[in-house]
């Protein structure tokens, strides 16, 4: 999968006016109109319709809407995306006010077939954007490679003088700005852009959650679980999830696998997570477990999870090179700074 230059420009134009890190709040009337419109668009396209890659764009959009905690932000992003995609050649201005988009799509069901096809294409491009910039990097970064433990990593960092680390950081920042975050040979973006895009989208699932996974708290106990190797793999692949029961620190743990022949007979199972004596160690973060559950369900309901697993298998089988000369080249170095498995698991 490759995001072409047109989609890069489309993405950049939206990012210039839509700050996904700030939860948007629609008026009650706008919220109702936007939600009804999104549902109509999904139904018109067809929730069960698949694209060449095997996942279902409309199902992905619908599942995301149902599982984000900031639906206003998601609906604004989605409607602005497809509105800009359809109207970019006409000079329409895209901003966080979705009034123009609501008016534009009001009578879409009576559009000409050519317009409808273009509309369907915009939905597919949006789903592709979510898969390529969020779900795929998220899943790819959970493919573990040998790395220092938190203790050894801290030791490694402390062996480098603070002044030297700052100098290196400043130097890197300067040349990235100079070269516009692109490789001077391939013209490809620095992979940190993938992380930025993923974090922007992640914030729609729980506004403010980024500070738990992209800062000093990444190595805290609230960002960890103890799992056996098999369940570590299933958790990292978003094939099992934790759902709150309403009792503090108690979860219903279930599998996304529906086939009785493939499903682990243990699931669903309810477990109460143990607390440390005197509660001096933070329990796993319910917010992070909620987000992990939402992503697991979206990947399952849309079929995106199966597609992503195929991509990762292909990546392992092919001679994928870092220079991006293969279709999957940009995946080879995906490691989003250690901020995933959403919850790191040991």
C-alpha atoms as a PDB file:
ATOM      1  CA  UNK A   1       0.000   0.000   0.000  1.00  0.00           C
ATOM      2  CA  UNK A   2       1.349   3.419  -0.922  1.00  0.00           C
ATOM      3  CA  UNK A   3      -0.169   6.816  -0.299  1.00  0.00           C
ATOM      4  CA  UNK A   4       0.240   8.799  -3.493  1.00  0.00           C
ATOM      5  CA  UNK A   5       1.286  12.440  -3.695  1.00  0.00           C
ATOM      6  CA  UNK A   6      -2.285  13.623  -4.297  1.00  0.00           C
ATOM      7  CA  UNK A   7      -3.363  12.012  -1.041  1.00  0.00           C
ATOM      8  CA  UNK A   8      -0.351  13.542   0.733  1.00  0.00           C
ATOM      9  CA  UNK A   9      -1.440  16.997  -0.433  1.00  0.00           C
ATOM     10  CA  UNK A  10      -5.046  16.258   0.490  1.00  0.00           C
ATOM     11  CA  UNK A  11      -3.970  15.185   3.967  1.00  0.00           C
ATOM     12  CA  UNK A  12      -1.757  18.256   4.414  1.00  0.00           C
ATOM     13  CA  UNK A  13      -4.523  20.651   3.409  1.00  0.00           C
ATOM     14  CA  UNK A  14      -6.823  19.161   6.035  1.00  0.00           C
ATOM     15  CA  UNK A  15      -4.195  19.161   8.757  1.00  0.00           C
ATOM     16  CA  UNK A  16      -3.690  22.848   8.174  1.00  0.00           C
ATOM     17  CA  UNK A  17      -7.233  23.648   9.312  1.00  0.00           C
ATOM     18  CA  UNK A  18      -8.278  20.669  11.463  1.00  0.00           C
ATOM     19  CA  UNK A  19      -6.487  20.121  14.753  1.00  0.00           C
ATOM     20  CA  UNK A  20      -7.567  16.623  15.765  1.00  0.00           C
ATOM     21  CA  UNK A  21      -5.825  16.956  19.118  1.00  0.00           C
ATOM     22  CA  UNK A  22      -8.470  19.468  20.231  1.00  0.00           C
ATOM     23  CA  UNK A  23     -11.908  17.837  20.715  1.00  0.00           C
ATOM     24  CA  UNK A  24     -14.467  19.562  18.522  1.00  0.00           C
ATOM     25  CA  UNK A  25     -17.928  20.217  19.872  1.00  0.00           C
ATOM     26  CA  UNK A  26     -20.841  20.495  17.483  1.00  0.00           C
ATOM     27  CA  UNK A  27     -24.158  22.052  18.375  1.00  0.00           C
ATOM     28  CA  UNK A  28     -26.892  19.493  19.156  1.00  0.00           C
ATOM     29  CA  UNK A  29     -28.466  20.201  15.756  1.00  0.00           C
ATOM     30  CA  UNK A  30     -25.137  19.840  13.934  1.00  0.00           C
ATOM     31  CA  UNK A  31     -24.381  16.625  15.822  1.00  0.00           C
ATOM     32  CA  UNK A  32     -27.720  15.082  14.874  1.00  0.00           C
ATOM     33  CA  UNK A  33     -27.426  16.204  11.244  1.00  0.00           C
ATOM     34  CA  UNK A  34     -23.844  14.979  10.950  1.00  0.00           C
ATOM     35  CA  UNK A  35     -24.598  11.611  12.538  1.00  0.00           C
ATOM     36  CA  UNK A  36     -27.634  11.050  10.326  1.00  0.00           C
ATOM     37  CA  UNK A  37     -25.580  12.002   7.267  1.00  0.00           C
ATOM     38  CA  UNK A  38     -22.735   9.639   8.122  1.00  0.00           C
ATOM     39  CA  UNK A  39     -25.193   6.783   8.664  1.00  0.00           C
ATOM     40  CA  UNK A  40     -26.915   7.543   5.344  1.00  0.00           C
ATOM     41  CA  UNK A  41     -23.584   7.624   3.514  1.00  0.00           C
ATOM     42  CA  UNK A  42     -22.562   4.307   5.060  1.00  0.00           C
ATOM     43  CA  UNK A  43     -25.847   2.644   4.141  1.00  0.00           C
ATOM     44  CA  UNK A  44     -25.808   4.067   0.608  1.00  0.00           C
ATOM     45  CA  UNK A  45     -22.305   2.735  -0.007  1.00  0.00           C
ATOM     46  CA  UNK A  46     -23.112  -0.597   1.649  1.00  0.00           C
ATOM     47  CA  UNK A  47     -21.629  -1.810   4.959  1.00  0.00           C
ATOM     48  CA  UNK A  48     -20.783  -5.224   3.486  1.00  0.00           C
ATOM     49  CA  UNK A  49     -19.141  -3.920   0.310  1.00  0.00           C
ATOM     50  CA  UNK A  50     -15.446  -4.779   0.168  1.00  0.00           C
ATOM     51  CA  UNK A  51     -12.585  -3.150  -1.697  1.00  0.00           C
ATOM     52  CA  UNK A  52      -9.758  -4.925  -3.478  1.00  0.00           C
ATOM     53  CA  UNK A  53      -7.745  -5.179  -0.268  1.00  0.00           C
ATOM     54  CA  UNK A  54     -10.535  -7.180   1.347  1.00  0.00           C
ATOM     55  CA  UNK A  55     -11.771  -4.846   4.073  1.00  0.00           C
ATOM     56  CA  UNK A  56     -15.095  -2.989   4.232  1.00  0.00           C
ATOM     57  CA  UNK A  57     -14.731   0.830   4.115  1.00  0.00           C
ATOM     58  CA  UNK A  58     -18.272   1.665   5.230  1.00  0.00           C
ATOM     59  CA  UNK A  59     -18.122  -0.844   8.082  1.00  0.00           C
ATOM     60  CA  UNK A  60     -14.821   0.696   9.190  1.00  0.00           C
ATOM     61  CA  UNK A  61     -16.329   4.191   9.206  1.00  0.00           C
ATOM     62  CA  UNK A  62     -19.433   3.040  11.082  1.00  0.00           C
ATOM     63  CA  UNK A  63     -17.463   1.043  13.666  1.00  0.00           C
ATOM     64  CA  UNK A  64     -15.105   3.954  14.294  1.00  0.00           C
ATOM     65  CA  UNK A  65     -18.023   6.325  14.824  1.00  0.00           C
ATOM     66  CA  UNK A  66     -19.524   3.915  17.349  1.00  0.00           C
ATOM     67  CA  UNK A  67     -16.321   3.478  19.358  1.00  0.00           C
ATOM     68  CA  UNK A  68     -14.651   6.897  19.514  1.00  0.00           C
ATOM     69  CA  UNK A  69     -15.342   8.974  22.620  1.00  0.00           C
ATOM     70  CA  UNK A  70     -15.204  12.176  20.569  1.00  0.00           C
ATOM     71  CA  UNK A  71     -17.714  11.489  17.775  1.00  0.00           C
ATOM     72  CA  UNK A  72     -17.982  15.184  16.921  1.00  0.00           C
ATOM     73  CA  UNK A  73     -14.260  15.304  16.131  1.00  0.00           C
ATOM     74  CA  UNK A  74     -14.457  12.127  14.052  1.00  0.00           C
ATOM     75  CA  UNK A  75     -17.534  13.214  12.104  1.00  0.00           C
ATOM     76  CA  UNK A  76     -15.993  16.615  11.405  1.00  0.00           C
ATOM     77  CA  UNK A  77     -12.800  14.965  10.190  1.00  0.00           C
ATOM     78  CA  UNK A  78     -14.638  12.420   8.032  1.00  0.00           C
ATOM     79  CA  UNK A  79     -17.072  14.866   6.424  1.00  0.00           C
ATOM     80  CA  UNK A  80     -14.343  17.464   5.897  1.00  0.00           C
ATOM     81  CA  UNK A  81     -12.127  14.816   4.307  1.00  0.00           C
ATOM     82  CA  UNK A  82     -14.646  13.626   1.737  1.00  0.00           C
ATOM     83  CA  UNK A  83     -15.933  17.178   1.140  1.00  0.00           C
ATOM     84  CA  UNK A  84     -12.403  18.397   0.387  1.00  0.00           C
ATOM     85  CA  UNK A  85     -11.774  15.323  -1.774  1.00  0.00           C
ATOM     86  CA  UNK A  86     -14.828  16.062  -3.904  1.00  0.00           C
ATOM     87  CA  UNK A  87     -14.517  19.847  -4.029  1.00  0.00           C
ATOM     88  CA  UNK A  88     -10.782  20.556  -3.991  1.00  0.00           C
ATOM     89  CA  UNK A  89     -10.816  21.532  -7.670  1.00  0.00           C
ATOM     90  CA  UNK A  90     -13.646  24.003  -7.102  1.00  0.00           C
ATOM     91  CA  UNK A  91     -11.808  26.157  -4.572  1.00  0.00           C
ATOM     92  CA  UNK A  92     -14.047  25.382  -1.595  1.00  0.00           C
ATOM     93  CA  UNK A  93     -12.539  26.225   1.795  1.00  0.00           C
ATOM     94  CA  UNK A  94     -12.297  23.441   4.388  1.00  0.00           C
ATOM     95  CA  UNK A  95     -12.424  24.337   8.076  1.00  0.00           C
ATOM     96  CA  UNK A  96     -13.710  22.987  11.369  1.00  0.00           C
ATOM     97  CA  UNK A  97     -17.202  24.357  10.617  1.00  0.00           C
ATOM     98  CA  UNK A  98     -18.954  21.504   8.833  1.00  0.00           C
ATOM     99  CA  UNK A  99     -21.991  23.585   7.825  1.00  0.00           C
ATOM    100  CA  UNK A 100     -20.871  23.729   4.182  1.00  0.00           C
ATOM    101  CA  UNK A 101     -20.293  19.976   4.104  1.00  0.00           C
ATOM    102  CA  UNK A 102     -23.727  19.268   5.600  1.00  0.00           C
ATOM    103  CA  UNK A 103     -25.393  21.440   2.971  1.00  0.00           C
ATOM    104  CA  UNK A 104     -23.280  19.984   0.164  1.00  0.00           C
ATOM    105  CA  UNK A 105     -24.204  16.365   0.959  1.00  0.00           C
ATOM    106  CA  UNK A 106     -27.850  17.037   1.806  1.00  0.00           C
ATOM    107  CA  UNK A 107     -29.238  15.662  -1.458  1.00  0.00           C
ATOM    108  CA  UNK A 108     -26.461  13.256  -2.390  1.00  0.00           C
ATOM    109  CA  UNK A 109     -28.869  10.365  -3.010  1.00  0.00           C
ATOM    110  CA  UNK A 110     -30.161  12.137  -6.138  1.00  0.00           C
ATOM    111  CA  UNK A 111     -26.715  12.812  -7.602  1.00  0.00           C
ATOM    112  CA  UNK A 112     -25.741  11.582 -11.049  1.00  0.00           C
ATOM    113  CA  UNK A 113     -24.031   8.162 -11.242  1.00  0.00           C
ATOM    114  CA  UNK A 114     -20.666   9.765 -11.971  1.00  0.00           C
ATOM    115  CA  UNK A 115     -20.954  11.908  -8.837  1.00  0.00           C
ATOM    116  CA  UNK A 116     -21.999   8.903  -6.764  1.00  0.00           C
ATOM    117  CA  UNK A 117     -18.979   6.946  -7.972  1.00  0.00           C
ATOM    118  CA  UNK A 118     -16.735   9.837  -6.955  1.00  0.00           C
ATOM    119  CA  UNK A 119     -18.458   9.932  -3.566  1.00  0.00           C
ATOM    120  CA  UNK A 120     -17.855   6.215  -3.085  1.00  0.00           C
ATOM    121  CA  UNK A 121     -14.228   6.754  -4.036  1.00  0.00           C
ATOM    122  CA  UNK A 122     -13.901   9.421  -1.338  1.00  0.00           C
ATOM    123  CA  UNK A 123     -15.217   7.001   1.308  1.00  0.00           C
ATOM    124  CA  UNK A 124     -12.726   4.380   0.169  1.00  0.00           C
ATOM    125  CA  UNK A 125      -9.874   6.901   0.302  1.00  0.00           C
ATOM    126  CA  UNK A 126     -10.861   7.904   3.828  1.00  0.00           C
ATOM    127  CA  UNK A 127     -10.906   4.275   4.962  1.00  0.00           C
ATOM    128  CA  UNK A 128      -7.541   3.762   3.274  1.00  0.00           C
ATOM    129  CA  UNK A 129      -6.196   6.777   5.156  1.00  0.00           C
ATOM    130  CA  UNK A 130      -7.312   5.342   8.511  1.00  0.00           C
ATOM    131  CA  UNK A 131      -5.833   1.930   7.718  1.00  0.00           C
ATOM    132  CA  UNK A 132      -2.528   3.274   6.367  1.00  0.00           C
ATOM    133  CA  UNK A 133      -1.979   6.032   8.925  1.00  0.00           C
ATOM    134  CA  UNK A 134      -3.447   4.453  12.045  1.00  0.00           C
ATOM    135  CA  UNK A 135      -4.392   0.781  12.124  1.00  0.00           C
ATOM    136  CA  UNK A 136      -1.489  -0.578  10.086  1.00  0.00           C
ATOM    137  CA  UNK A 137       1.284   1.362  11.887  1.00  0.00           C
ATOM    138  CA  UNK A 138      -0.365   0.522  15.201  1.00  0.00           C
ATOM    139  CA  UNK A 139      -0.387  -3.195  14.474  1.00  0.00           C
ATOM    140  CA  UNK A 140       3.035  -3.194  12.792  1.00  0.00           C
ATOM    141  CA  UNK A 141       4.656  -1.566  15.787  1.00  0.00           C
ATOM    142  CA  UNK A 142       3.561  -4.470  17.984  1.00  0.00           C
ATOM    143  CA  UNK A 143       5.695  -6.862  15.939  1.00  0.00           C
ATOM    144  CA  UNK A 144       8.397  -7.186  18.531  1.00  0.00           C
ATOM    145  CA  UNK A 145      12.107  -7.150  17.863  1.00  0.00           C
ATOM    146  CA  UNK A 146      14.834  -7.551  20.498  1.00  0.00           C
ATOM    147  CA  UNK A 147      15.217  -4.264  22.324  1.00  0.00           C
ATOM    148  CA  UNK A 148      16.683  -3.017  25.606  1.00  0.00           C
ATOM    149  CA  UNK A 149      14.642  -3.511  28.761  1.00  0.00           C
ATOM    150  CA  UNK A 150      13.509  -0.294  30.457  1.00  0.00           C
ATOM    151  CA  UNK A 151      16.364  -0.660  32.935  1.00  0.00           C
ATOM    152  CA  UNK A 152      19.085  -1.178  30.332  1.00  0.00           C
ATOM    153  CA  UNK A 153      17.601   1.553  28.157  1.00  0.00           C
ATOM    154  CA  UNK A 154      17.799   3.972  31.059  1.00  0.00           C
ATOM    155  CA  UNK A 155      21.408   2.980  31.599  1.00  0.00           C
ATOM    156  CA  UNK A 156      22.172   3.511  27.937  1.00  0.00           C
ATOM    157  CA  UNK A 157      20.622   6.956  27.998  1.00  0.00           C
ATOM    158  CA  UNK A 158      22.399   7.963  31.185  1.00  0.00           C
ATOM    159  CA  UNK A 159      25.773   7.031  29.683  1.00  0.00           C
ATOM    160  CA  UNK A 160      25.411   9.832  27.146  1.00  0.00           C
ATOM    161  CA  UNK A 161      26.125  13.302  28.553  1.00  0.00           C
ATOM    162  CA  UNK A 162      23.057  15.530  28.711  1.00  0.00           C
ATOM    163  CA  UNK A 163      24.745  18.274  26.706  1.00  0.00           C
ATOM    164  CA  UNK A 164      25.651  15.846  23.934  1.00  0.00           C
ATOM    165  CA  UNK A 165      22.097  14.473  23.750  1.00  0.00           C
ATOM    166  CA  UNK A 166      20.723  18.015  23.499  1.00  0.00           C
ATOM    167  CA  UNK A 167      23.220  18.916  20.774  1.00  0.00           C
ATOM    168  CA  UNK A 168      22.268  15.838  18.762  1.00  0.00           C
ATOM    169  CA  UNK A 169      18.567  16.592  19.252  1.00  0.00           C
ATOM    170  CA  UNK A 170      19.003  20.204  18.103  1.00  0.00           C
ATOM    171  CA  UNK A 171      21.067  19.127  15.107  1.00  0.00           C
ATOM    172  CA  UNK A 172      18.469  16.575  14.021  1.00  0.00           C
ATOM    173  CA  UNK A 173      15.662  19.091  14.385  1.00  0.00           C
ATOM    174  CA  UNK A 174      17.548  21.643  12.289  1.00  0.00           C
ATOM    175  CA  UNK A 175      18.320  19.348   9.388  1.00  0.00           C
ATOM    176  CA  UNK A 176      14.810  17.888   9.394  1.00  0.00           C
ATOM    177  CA  UNK A 177      13.402  21.400   9.052  1.00  0.00           C
ATOM    178  CA  UNK A 178      15.945  22.224   6.357  1.00  0.00           C
ATOM    179  CA  UNK A 179      15.078  19.097   4.347  1.00  0.00           C
ATOM    180  CA  UNK A 180      11.335  19.376   5.107  1.00  0.00           C
ATOM    181  CA  UNK A 181      11.282  15.993   6.857  1.00  0.00           C
ATOM    182  CA  UNK A 182      11.942  14.185   3.559  1.00  0.00           C
ATOM    183  CA  UNK A 183      14.764  11.903   2.493  1.00  0.00           C
ATOM    184  CA  UNK A 184      16.860  13.963   0.055  1.00  0.00           C
ATOM    185  CA  UNK A 185      17.225  10.907  -2.222  1.00  0.00           C
ATOM    186  CA  UNK A 186      13.805   9.231  -2.215  1.00  0.00           C
ATOM    187  CA  UNK A 187      11.762  12.326  -1.225  1.00  0.00           C
ATOM    188  CA  UNK A 188       9.935  10.128   1.278  1.00  0.00           C
ATOM    189  CA  UNK A 189       8.720  11.572   4.575  1.00  0.00           C
ATOM    190  CA  UNK A 190      10.542  10.835   7.802  1.00  0.00           C
ATOM    191  CA  UNK A 191       8.701   7.976   9.501  1.00  0.00           C
ATOM    192  CA  UNK A 192       7.996  10.131  12.518  1.00  0.00           C
ATOM    193  CA  UNK A 193       5.183  11.574  10.375  1.00  0.00           C
ATOM    194  CA  UNK A 194       3.457   8.198  10.636  1.00  0.00           C
ATOM    195  CA  UNK A 195       3.614   8.436  14.390  1.00  0.00           C
ATOM    196  CA  UNK A 196       2.211  11.976  14.350  1.00  0.00           C
ATOM    197  CA  UNK A 197      -0.694  10.931  12.127  1.00  0.00           C
ATOM    198  CA  UNK A 198      -1.450   7.902  14.295  1.00  0.00           C
ATOM    199  CA  UNK A 199      -1.397   9.985  17.477  1.00  0.00           C
ATOM    200  CA  UNK A 200      -3.736  12.584  15.957  1.00  0.00           C
ATOM    201  CA  UNK A 201      -6.273   9.900  15.117  1.00  0.00           C
ATOM    202  CA  UNK A 202      -5.764   8.115  18.438  1.00  0.00           C
ATOM    203  CA  UNK A 203      -6.743  11.272  20.300  1.00  0.00           C
ATOM    204  CA  UNK A 204     -10.249  10.994  18.813  1.00  0.00           C
ATOM    205  CA  UNK A 205     -10.708   7.738  20.718  1.00  0.00           C
ATOM    206  CA  UNK A 206     -10.002   9.422  24.049  1.00  0.00           C
ATOM    207  CA  UNK A 207      -9.022  13.118  23.980  1.00  0.00           C
ATOM    208  CA  UNK A 208      -5.920  13.720  26.069  1.00  0.00           C
ATOM    209  CA  UNK A 209      -4.802  10.091  26.121  1.00  0.00           C
ATOM    210  CA  UNK A 210      -1.621  10.840  24.177  1.00  0.00           C
ATOM    211  CA  UNK A 211       0.214  11.933  27.327  1.00  0.00           C
ATOM    212  CA  UNK A 212      -0.126   8.366  28.645  1.00  0.00           C
ATOM    213  CA  UNK A 213       1.618   6.782  25.665  1.00  0.00           C
ATOM    214  CA  UNK A 214       3.926   9.417  24.227  1.00  0.00           C
ATOM    215  CA  UNK A 215       5.729  10.708  27.281  1.00  0.00           C
ATOM    216  CA  UNK A 216       7.359   9.664  30.552  1.00  0.00           C
ATOM    217  CA  UNK A 217       4.329   7.589  31.567  1.00  0.00           C
ATOM    218  CA  UNK A 218       4.965   5.092  28.758  1.00  0.00           C
ATOM    219  CA  UNK A 219       7.125   3.044  31.146  1.00  0.00           C
ATOM    220  CA  UNK A 220       4.791   3.314  34.132  1.00  0.00           C
ATOM    221  CA  UNK A 221       2.873   0.335  35.616  1.00  0.00           C
ATOM    222  CA  UNK A 222      -0.423   1.744  34.317  1.00  0.00           C
ATOM    223  CA  UNK A 223       0.875   1.006  30.819  1.00  0.00           C
ATOM    224  CA  UNK A 224       1.667  -2.669  31.431  1.00  0.00           C
ATOM    225  CA  UNK A 225       0.042  -6.065  31.882  1.00  0.00           C
ATOM    226  CA  UNK A 226       1.462  -9.474  32.730  1.00  0.00           C
ATOM    227  CA  UNK A 227       0.456 -12.012  30.072  1.00  0.00           C
ATOM    228  CA  UNK A 228       1.709 -15.396  28.938  1.00  0.00           C
ATOM    229  CA  UNK A 229       3.400 -15.525  25.543  1.00  0.00           C
ATOM    230  CA  UNK A 230       0.267 -16.718  23.710  1.00  0.00           C
ATOM    231  CA  UNK A 231      -1.995 -14.061  25.176  1.00  0.00           C
ATOM    232  CA  UNK A 232       0.735 -11.448  24.708  1.00  0.00           C
ATOM    233  CA  UNK A 233       0.605 -12.227  20.983  1.00  0.00           C
ATOM    234  CA  UNK A 234      -3.194 -12.157  20.832  1.00  0.00           C
ATOM    235  CA  UNK A 235      -3.325  -8.864  22.720  1.00  0.00           C
ATOM    236  CA  UNK A 236      -0.700  -7.285  20.459  1.00  0.00           C
ATOM    237  CA  UNK A 237      -2.598  -8.502  17.390  1.00  0.00           C
ATOM    238  CA  UNK A 238      -5.830  -6.988  18.766  1.00  0.00           C
ATOM    239  CA  UNK A 239      -7.466 -10.414  18.821  1.00  0.00           C
ATOM    240  CA  UNK A 240      -8.421 -10.233  22.494  1.00  0.00           C
ATOM    241  CA  UNK A 241      -9.668  -7.253  24.457  1.00  0.00           C
ATOM    242  CA  UNK A 242     -10.658  -6.168  27.961  1.00  0.00           C
ATOM    243  CA  UNK A 243     -14.131  -4.737  28.606  1.00  0.00           C
ATOM    244  CA  UNK A 244     -15.099  -3.047  31.863  1.00  0.00           C
ATOM    245  CA  UNK A 245     -17.834  -4.778  33.871  1.00  0.00           C
ATOM    246  CA  UNK A 246     -18.748  -1.806  36.037  1.00  0.00           C
ATOM    247  CA  UNK A 247     -16.861  -3.143  39.036  1.00  0.00           C
ATOM    248  CA  UNK A 248     -13.553  -1.312  39.619  1.00  0.00           C
ATOM    249  CA  UNK A 249     -10.545  -3.191  38.169  1.00  0.00           C
ATOM    250  CA  UNK A 250     -12.753  -6.015  36.881  1.00  0.00           C
ATOM    251  CA  UNK A 251     -12.901  -6.861  33.160  1.00  0.00           C
ATOM    252  CA  UNK A 252     -14.666  -9.225  30.840  1.00  0.00           C
ATOM    253  CA  UNK A 253     -11.922 -10.545  28.551  1.00  0.00           C
ATOM    254  CA  UNK A 254     -13.084 -11.777  25.164  1.00  0.00           C
ATOM    255  CA  UNK A 255     -11.808 -12.787  21.747  1.00  0.00           C
ATOM    256  CA  UNK A 256     -12.676 -11.219  18.396  1.00  0.00           C
ATOM    257  CA  UNK A 257     -12.700 -14.717  16.871  1.00  0.00           C
ATOM    258  CA  UNK A 258     -16.273 -15.902  16.324  1.00  0.00           C
ATOM    259  CA  UNK A 259     -15.598 -19.376  14.918  1.00  0.00           C
ATOM    260  CA  UNK A 260     -16.145 -22.025  17.582  1.00  0.00           C
ATOM    261  CA  UNK A 261     -13.403 -24.148  16.000  1.00  0.00           C
ATOM    262  CA  UNK A 262     -10.781 -21.389  16.183  1.00  0.00           C
ATOM    263  CA  UNK A 263     -11.922 -19.584  19.292  1.00  0.00           C
ATOM    264  CA  UNK A 264     -10.124 -20.217  22.595  1.00  0.00           C
ATOM    265  CA  UNK A 265     -12.736 -21.969  24.800  1.00  0.00           C
ATOM    266  CA  UNK A 266     -11.524 -19.918  27.778  1.00  0.00           C
ATOM    267  CA  UNK A 267     -13.267 -16.819  26.415  1.00  0.00           C
ATOM    268  CA  UNK A 268     -15.197 -14.925  27.496  1.00  0.00           C
ATOM    269  CA  UNK A 269     -13.797 -14.858  31.004  1.00  0.00           C
ATOM    270  CA  UNK A 270     -14.136 -12.304  33.792  1.00  0.00           C
ATOM    271  CA  UNK A 271     -11.054 -11.374  35.764  1.00  0.00           C
ATOM    272  CA  UNK A 272     -10.392  -8.932  38.596  1.00  0.00           C
ATOM    273  CA  UNK A 273      -6.952  -7.359  38.283  1.00  0.00           C
ATOM    274  CA  UNK A 274      -4.958  -7.532  41.494  1.00  0.00           C
ATOM    275  CA  UNK A 275      -3.779  -4.395  43.247  1.00  0.00           C
ATOM    276  CA  UNK A 276      -0.440  -3.955  44.973  1.00  0.00           C
ATOM    277  CA  UNK A 277      -0.238  -3.904  48.794  1.00  0.00           C
ATOM    278  CA  UNK A 278      -1.145  -0.442  50.054  1.00  0.00           C
ATOM    279  CA  UNK A 279      -1.922   0.416  46.386  1.00  0.00           C
ATOM    280  CA  UNK A 280       1.491   1.968  45.839  1.00  0.00           C
ATOM    281  CA  UNK A 281       1.672   0.661  42.240  1.00  0.00           C
ATOM    282  CA  UNK A 282      -0.799   1.947  39.670  1.00  0.00           C
ATOM    283  CA  UNK A 283      -3.160  -0.657  38.153  1.00  0.00           C
ATOM    284  CA  UNK A 284      -3.458  -0.924  34.353  1.00  0.00           C
ATOM    285  CA  UNK A 285      -5.122   2.157  32.899  1.00  0.00           C
ATOM    286  CA  UNK A 286      -8.834   1.565  32.133  1.00  0.00           C
ATOM    287  CA  UNK A 287      -8.616   4.297  29.477  1.00  0.00           C
ATOM    288  CA  UNK A 288      -5.867   2.500  27.586  1.00  0.00           C
ATOM    289  CA  UNK A 289      -7.731  -0.799  27.813  1.00  0.00           C
ATOM    290  CA  UNK A 290     -10.865   0.928  26.477  1.00  0.00           C
ATOM    291  CA  UNK A 291      -8.965   2.284  23.469  1.00  0.00           C
ATOM    292  CA  UNK A 292      -7.367  -1.107  22.814  1.00  0.00           C
ATOM    293  CA  UNK A 293     -10.824  -2.705  22.866  1.00  0.00           C
ATOM    294  CA  UNK A 294     -12.215  -0.113  20.443  1.00  0.00           C
ATOM    295  CA  UNK A 295      -9.393  -0.679  17.962  1.00  0.00           C
ATOM    296  CA  UNK A 296      -9.748  -4.463  18.215  1.00  0.00           C
ATOM    297  CA  UNK A 297     -13.470  -4.275  17.420  1.00  0.00           C
ATOM    298  CA  UNK A 298     -12.981  -1.821  14.540  1.00  0.00           C
ATOM    299  CA  UNK A 299     -10.347  -4.055  12.957  1.00  0.00           C
ATOM    300  CA  UNK A 300     -12.597  -7.101  13.327  1.00  0.00           C
ATOM    301  CA  UNK A 301     -15.886  -5.547  12.200  1.00  0.00           C
ATOM    302  CA  UNK A 302     -14.348  -3.937   9.115  1.00  0.00           C
ATOM    303  CA  UNK A 303     -12.111  -6.808   8.060  1.00  0.00           C
ATOM    304  CA  UNK A 304      -9.111  -4.476   8.261  1.00  0.00           C
ATOM    305  CA  UNK A 305      -7.441  -6.782  10.763  1.00  0.00           C
ATOM    306  CA  UNK A 306      -7.270  -9.662   8.273  1.00  0.00           C
ATOM    307  CA  UNK A 307      -5.896  -7.365   5.581  1.00  0.00           C
ATOM    308  CA  UNK A 308      -3.212  -5.997   7.917  1.00  0.00           C
ATOM    309  CA  UNK A 309      -2.132  -9.495   8.939  1.00  0.00           C
ATOM    310  CA  UNK A 310      -1.709 -10.366   5.243  1.00  0.00           C
ATOM    311  CA  UNK A 311       0.422  -7.265   4.740  1.00  0.00           C
ATOM    312  CA  UNK A 312       2.633  -8.179   7.688  1.00  0.00           C
ATOM    313  CA  UNK A 313       3.010 -11.761   6.475  1.00  0.00           C
ATOM    314  CA  UNK A 314       4.011 -10.473   3.050  1.00  0.00           C
ATOM    315  CA  UNK A 315       6.501  -8.165   4.699  1.00  0.00           C
ATOM    316  CA  UNK A 316       8.142 -11.122   6.417  1.00  0.00           C
ATOM    317  CA  UNK A 317       8.246 -13.223   3.253  1.00  0.00           C
ATOM    318  CA  UNK A 318       9.459 -10.556   0.830  1.00  0.00           C
ATOM    319  CA  UNK A 319      12.885  -9.011   0.692  1.00  0.00           C
ATOM    320  CA  UNK A 320      11.647  -5.666   1.897  1.00  0.00           C
ATOM    321  CA  UNK A 321      14.325  -3.005   1.758  1.00  0.00           C
ATOM    322  CA  UNK A 322      14.557   0.202   3.754  1.00  0.00           C
ATOM    323  CA  UNK A 323      14.942   2.343   0.646  1.00  0.00           C
ATOM    324  CA  UNK A 324      11.254   1.896  -0.134  1.00  0.00           C
ATOM    325  CA  UNK A 325      11.902   0.109  -3.436  1.00  0.00           C
ATOM    326  CA  UNK A 326       9.156  -2.425  -2.710  1.00  0.00           C
ATOM    327  CA  UNK A 327       5.508  -1.719  -2.139  1.00  0.00           C
ATOM    328  CA  UNK A 328       5.908  -2.443   1.564  1.00  0.00           C
ATOM    329  CA  UNK A 329       9.234  -0.733   2.076  1.00  0.00           C
ATOM    330  CA  UNK A 330       7.914   1.994   4.313  1.00  0.00           C
ATOM    331  CA  UNK A 331       6.705  -0.641   6.777  1.00  0.00           C
ATOM    332  CA  UNK A 332      10.102  -2.105   7.503  1.00  0.00           C
ATOM    333  CA  UNK A 333      11.107   0.551   9.985  1.00  0.00           C
ATOM    334  CA  UNK A 334       7.781   1.098  11.681  1.00  0.00           C
ATOM    335  CA  UNK A 335       8.399   1.342  15.386  1.00  0.00           C
ATOM    336  CA  UNK A 336       6.392   4.165  16.863  1.00  0.00           C
ATOM    337  CA  UNK A 337       8.826   5.048  19.620  1.00  0.00           C
ATOM    338  CA  UNK A 338       7.636   2.181  21.822  1.00  0.00           C
ATOM    339  CA  UNK A 339       4.272   3.784  22.532  1.00  0.00           C
ATOM    340  CA  UNK A 340       2.313   0.723  21.494  1.00  0.00           C
ATOM    341  CA  UNK A 341       1.067  -2.059  22.208  1.00  0.00           C
ATOM    342  CA  UNK A 342      -1.302   0.704  23.302  1.00  0.00           C
ATOM    343  CA  UNK A 343      -0.558  -1.092  26.529  1.00  0.00           C
ATOM    344  CA  UNK A 344       2.836  -2.722  26.538  1.00  0.00           C
ATOM    345  CA  UNK A 345       2.567  -6.300  27.737  1.00  0.00           C
ATOM    346  CA  UNK A 346       5.124  -8.473  29.496  1.00  0.00           C
END
